[in-house]
Amino acid sequence: MVSSELDEVLGLADRIAVMYRGRILAVVGPDTPREEIGLLMAGVTAEAALAATPPAGGDGTVPTDGTVPTDGTVDKEEA
């Protein structure tokens, strides 16, 4: 079965081969978290996603250096 409909795949498949740009990135089970499958569909391996994620602080926040961008790039949702 070939499909880009994740719900359909999760409901029918015993194994899921996730492809990106014509290459299989991973073969996972239907119990794999949707977020992980979504990252794979976008070409991001779990190892790469974990390596790019900064460690959380003890209170669940992500530590930053506290600086504010001066180039005017402010997220519209934050403004």
Protein backbone atom coordinates (compact mmCIF):
# COMPACT_ATOMS: atom_id res chain seq x y z
CA MET A 1 0.00 0.00 0.00
CA VAL A 2 1.26 3.46 -0.86
CA SER A 3 -0.46 6.39 0.80
CA SER A 4 0.16 9.84 2.18
CA GLU A 5 -2.92 9.52 4.42
CA LEU A 6 -1.43 8.79 7.82
CA ASP A 7 -4.71 7.74 9.46
CA GLU A 8 -5.30 5.17 6.72
CA VAL A 9 -1.79 3.80 7.03
CA LEU A 10 -1.93 3.56 10.83
CA GLY A 11 -5.27 1.76 10.64
CA LEU A 12 -4.23 -0.86 8.08
CA ALA A 13 -0.49 -1.46 8.24
CA ASP A 14 1.57 -3.85 10.36
CA ARG A 15 4.78 -2.09 9.29
CA ILE A 16 5.27 1.37 7.83
CA ALA A 17 8.15 2.24 5.53
CA VAL A 18 8.52 6.01 5.57
CA MET A 19 9.97 7.45 2.37
CA TYR A 20 11.43 10.86 1.68
CA ARG A 21 12.63 11.90 -1.77
CA GLY A 22 12.45 8.33 -3.05
CA ARG A 23 14.42 6.77 -0.22
CA ILE A 24 13.21 4.76 2.75
CA LEU A 25 14.26 6.59 5.91
CA ALA A 26 12.83 4.09 8.39
CA VAL A 27 10.55 1.12 8.84
CA VAL A 28 8.41 1.56 11.93
CA GLY A 29 5.40 -0.07 13.54
CA PRO A 30 1.90 1.39 13.72
CA ASP A 31 2.47 2.13 17.42
CA THR A 32 5.17 4.68 16.55
CA PRO A 33 4.16 8.17 17.73
CA ARG A 34 2.51 10.28 15.01
CA GLU A 35 5.00 13.07 15.68
CA GLU A 36 7.93 10.79 14.88
CA ILE A 37 6.29 9.55 11.68
CA GLY A 38 5.53 13.15 10.73
CA LEU A 39 9.17 14.12 11.19
CA LEU A 40 10.24 11.16 9.08
CA MET A 41 7.76 12.18 6.37
CA ALA A 42 9.44 15.61 6.39
CA GLY A 43 12.87 14.02 6.00
CA VAL A 44 13.99 14.37 9.62
CA THR A 45 15.27 11.23 11.33
CA ALA A 46 14.56 10.74 15.02
CA GLU A 47 18.27 10.92 15.77
CA ALA A 48 18.59 14.27 13.98
CA ALA A 49 15.52 15.66 15.76
CA LEU A 50 16.86 14.63 19.16
CA ALA A 51 20.31 16.04 18.41
CA ALA A 52 18.77 19.39 17.42
CA THR A 53 16.59 19.68 20.53
CA PRO A 54 18.17 21.70 23.33
CA PRO A 55 18.00 20.14 26.79
CA ALA A 56 15.10 21.30 28.92
CA GLY A 57 15.71 23.14 32.15
CA GLY A 58 14.69 21.62 35.45
CA ASP A 59 11.38 23.48 35.34
CA GLY A 60 10.49 22.24 31.82
CA THR A 61 11.62 25.39 30.05
CA VAL A 62 14.26 25.56 27.35
CA PRO A 63 17.24 27.65 28.44
CA THR A 64 18.10 30.65 26.25
CA ASP A 65 20.71 33.37 26.45
CA GLY A 66 17.98 35.96 27.11
CA THR A 67 18.69 38.18 24.11
CA VAL A 68 15.93 39.66 21.97
CA PRO A 69 16.35 39.72 18.16
CA THR A 70 17.19 43.21 16.91
CA ASP A 71 16.48 42.50 13.25
CA GLY A 72 12.72 42.82 13.64
CA THR A 73 12.03 39.07 13.42
CA VAL A 74 9.32 38.64 16.00
CA ASP A 75 6.84 35.80 15.75
CA LYS A 76 3.41 37.25 14.94
CA GLU A 77 1.77 35.00 17.55
CA GLU A 78 4.03 36.39 20.28
CA ALA A 79 3.45 40.05 19.35
